């Protein structure tokens, strides 16, 4: 039935957590995988807003306060550019070169990569490859309204 796709995901701990979180809020299983990631992005943005005493009552990143929305959109662009270049790891220099604000890490979608001897490095990665892929797709979809020319360049 409707939840068969969901059953295949619960064997992956990260997806299992997202599904449980969705169920706790909605008392229903998500209908599509995008619901999981929409919820993740919105929840991260709401937590970011809450810590900064901004309005966190928005239901989607697209209705977030401008500062939060801009930060969310900057991480989608970073996800696209790194995915396009087949990069799983992101240096802080890459973030600066891409014009991504350093506080994008406060959304909680990126984690620091630890070196083999323990301490964190100046390298980041997305919490899960599927998060990077989803955020990249949000960026590409946003180009329909904001930059059709860039979308054409991507498509060719």
Protein backbone atom coordinates (compact mmCIF):
# COMPACT_ATOMS: atom_id res chain seq x y z
CA UNK A 1 0.00 0.00 0.00
CA UNK A 2 0.90 3.62 0.60
CA UNK A 3 3.56 2.90 3.18
CA UNK A 4 5.51 0.21 1.30
CA UNK A 5 8.13 2.69 0.13
CA UNK A 6 8.44 3.84 3.73
CA UNK A 7 9.10 0.29 4.97
CA UNK A 8 12.12 0.01 2.70
CA UNK A 9 13.59 3.19 4.21
CA UNK A 10 13.33 2.30 7.88
CA UNK A 11 16.32 -0.02 7.59
CA UNK A 12 18.49 3.10 7.20
CA UNK A 13 18.84 4.73 10.64
CA UNK A 14 18.82 8.29 9.31
CA UNK A 15 15.60 7.72 7.37
CA UNK A 16 14.08 5.89 10.32
CA UNK A 17 14.64 8.97 12.51
CA UNK A 18 13.10 11.25 9.88
CA UNK A 19 10.07 8.96 9.52
CA UNK A 20 9.57 8.78 13.29
CA UNK A 21 9.84 12.56 13.58
CA UNK A 22 7.27 13.00 10.81
CA UNK A 23 4.93 10.47 12.43
CA UNK A 24 5.23 12.14 15.84
CA UNK A 25 4.10 15.47 14.42
CA UNK A 26 1.47 14.30 11.94
CA UNK A 27 0.32 10.96 13.40
CA UNK A 28 0.69 9.54 9.90
CA UNK A 29 3.42 8.18 7.70
CA UNK A 30 4.71 10.51 5.01
CA UNK A 31 3.25 9.94 1.57
CA UNK A 32 6.46 10.79 -0.28
CA UNK A 33 10.16 10.97 0.42
CA UNK A 34 10.12 14.71 -0.28
CA UNK A 35 7.85 15.18 2.74
CA UNK A 36 10.65 13.86 4.93
CA UNK A 37 13.19 16.27 3.55
CA UNK A 38 10.80 19.25 3.45
CA UNK A 39 10.14 18.62 7.12
CA UNK A 40 13.86 18.31 7.88
CA UNK A 41 14.70 21.59 6.14
CA UNK A 42 11.79 23.41 7.77
CA UNK A 43 12.57 22.02 11.23
CA UNK A 44 16.22 23.05 10.95
CA UNK A 45 15.17 26.53 9.81
CA UNK A 46 12.64 26.83 12.66
CA UNK A 47 15.29 25.89 15.24
CA UNK A 48 17.67 28.43 13.74
CA UNK A 49 14.95 31.12 13.93
CA UNK A 50 14.02 30.18 17.48
CA UNK A 51 17.59 30.57 18.76
CA UNK A 52 17.72 34.05 17.21
CA UNK A 53 14.31 35.11 18.55
CA UNK A 54 12.90 35.30 15.02
CA UNK A 55 9.41 34.19 14.08
CA UNK A 56 9.55 30.40 13.84
CA UNK A 57 5.85 29.83 13.14
CA UNK A 58 6.39 29.37 9.40
CA UNK A 59 5.21 26.11 7.86
CA UNK A 60 7.82 25.93 5.11
CA UNK A 61 11.24 27.43 4.40
CA UNK A 62 9.62 29.50 1.64
CA UNK A 63 7.52 31.35 4.24
CA UNK A 64 10.40 31.85 6.69
CA UNK A 65 11.68 35.29 7.72
CA UNK A 66 13.99 36.73 5.02
CA UNK A 67 17.23 36.02 6.94
CA UNK A 68 16.27 32.39 7.47
CA UNK A 69 14.98 31.91 3.93
CA UNK A 70 18.18 33.39 2.46
CA UNK A 71 20.31 31.08 4.59
CA UNK A 72 18.22 28.07 3.55
CA UNK A 73 18.52 29.00 -0.10
CA UNK A 74 22.30 29.47 0.22
CA UNK A 75 22.69 25.91 1.48
CA UNK A 76 20.64 24.62 -1.46
CA UNK A 77 23.01 26.39 -3.87
CA UNK A 78 26.01 24.92 -2.04
CA UNK A 79 24.43 21.47 -2.25
CA UNK A 80 23.95 21.88 -6.01
CA UNK A 81 27.45 23.17 -6.73
CA UNK A 82 29.14 20.44 -4.70
CA UNK A 83 26.93 17.68 -6.10
CA UNK A 84 27.57 18.92 -9.63
CA UNK A 85 31.32 18.70 -8.92
CA UNK A 86 30.85 15.26 -7.28
CA UNK A 87 32.16 16.58 -3.96
CA UNK A 88 31.11 15.02 -0.71
CA UNK A 89 33.43 17.19 1.36
CA UNK A 90 33.28 20.96 1.49
CA UNK A 91 36.11 23.15 2.68
CA UNK A 92 35.38 26.41 4.40
CA UNK A 93 37.33 28.06 1.57
CA UNK A 94 34.84 26.57 -0.92
CA UNK A 95 31.98 28.03 1.12
CA UNK A 96 33.60 31.48 1.02
CA UNK A 97 34.23 31.17 -2.74
CA UNK A 98 30.57 30.24 -3.27
CA UNK A 99 29.44 33.24 -1.20
CA UNK A 100 27.83 31.03 1.43
CA UNK A 101 27.55 32.72 4.84
CA UNK A 102 29.62 30.96 7.53
CA UNK A 103 26.56 30.68 9.78
CA UNK A 104 24.94 28.27 7.29
CA UNK A 105 26.41 25.53 9.49
CA UNK A 106 24.03 26.64 12.23
CA UNK A 107 21.11 25.18 10.26
CA UNK A 108 22.38 21.76 11.34
CA UNK A 109 22.47 20.18 7.88
CA UNK A 110 26.26 20.12 7.63
CA UNK A 111 28.63 18.35 9.99
CA UNK A 112 32.36 18.76 10.53
CA UNK A 113 34.54 15.97 9.27
CA UNK A 114 36.91 14.67 11.91
CA UNK A 115 40.45 13.80 11.02
CA UNK A 116 41.78 10.32 11.74
CA UNK A 117 43.42 11.55 14.95
CA UNK A 118 40.17 12.98 16.28
CA UNK A 119 39.93 16.76 16.17
CA UNK A 120 37.62 18.37 13.67
CA UNK A 121 39.02 19.82 10.47
CA UNK A 122 37.95 22.79 8.37
CA UNK A 123 36.04 20.37 6.18
CA UNK A 124 32.30 19.82 6.23
CA UNK A 125 29.89 17.36 4.70
CA UNK A 126 26.13 17.06 4.53
CA UNK A 127 24.57 14.85 7.21
CA UNK A 128 23.62 12.32 4.55
CA UNK A 129 24.12 12.18 0.78
CA UNK A 130 20.36 12.11 0.29
CA UNK A 131 20.12 15.45 2.16
CA UNK A 132 22.65 16.95 -0.26
CA UNK A 133 20.72 15.54 -3.22
CA UNK A 134 17.41 16.88 -1.94
CA UNK A 135 18.80 20.35 -1.23
CA UNK A 136 20.39 20.42 -4.68
CA UNK A 137 17.01 19.58 -6.22
CA UNK A 138 15.39 22.43 -4.27
CA UNK A 139 17.96 24.80 -5.74
CA UNK A 140 17.43 23.57 -9.30
CA UNK A 141 13.64 23.79 -8.88
CA UNK A 142 13.98 27.37 -7.58
CA UNK A 143 15.68 28.36 -10.84
CA UNK A 144 12.38 27.92 -12.69
CA UNK A 145 11.17 31.15 -11.09
CA UNK A 146 14.41 32.98 -10.34
CA UNK A 147 16.80 32.23 -13.19
CA UNK A 148 15.44 30.36 -16.21
CA UNK A 149 18.70 31.09 -18.08
CA UNK A 150 20.79 29.29 -15.44
CA UNK A 151 18.28 26.42 -15.54
CA UNK A 152 18.78 26.16 -19.32
CA UNK A 153 22.55 26.04 -18.79
CA UNK A 154 22.17 23.21 -16.29
CA UNK A 155 19.89 21.28 -18.62
CA UNK A 156 22.35 21.40 -21.51
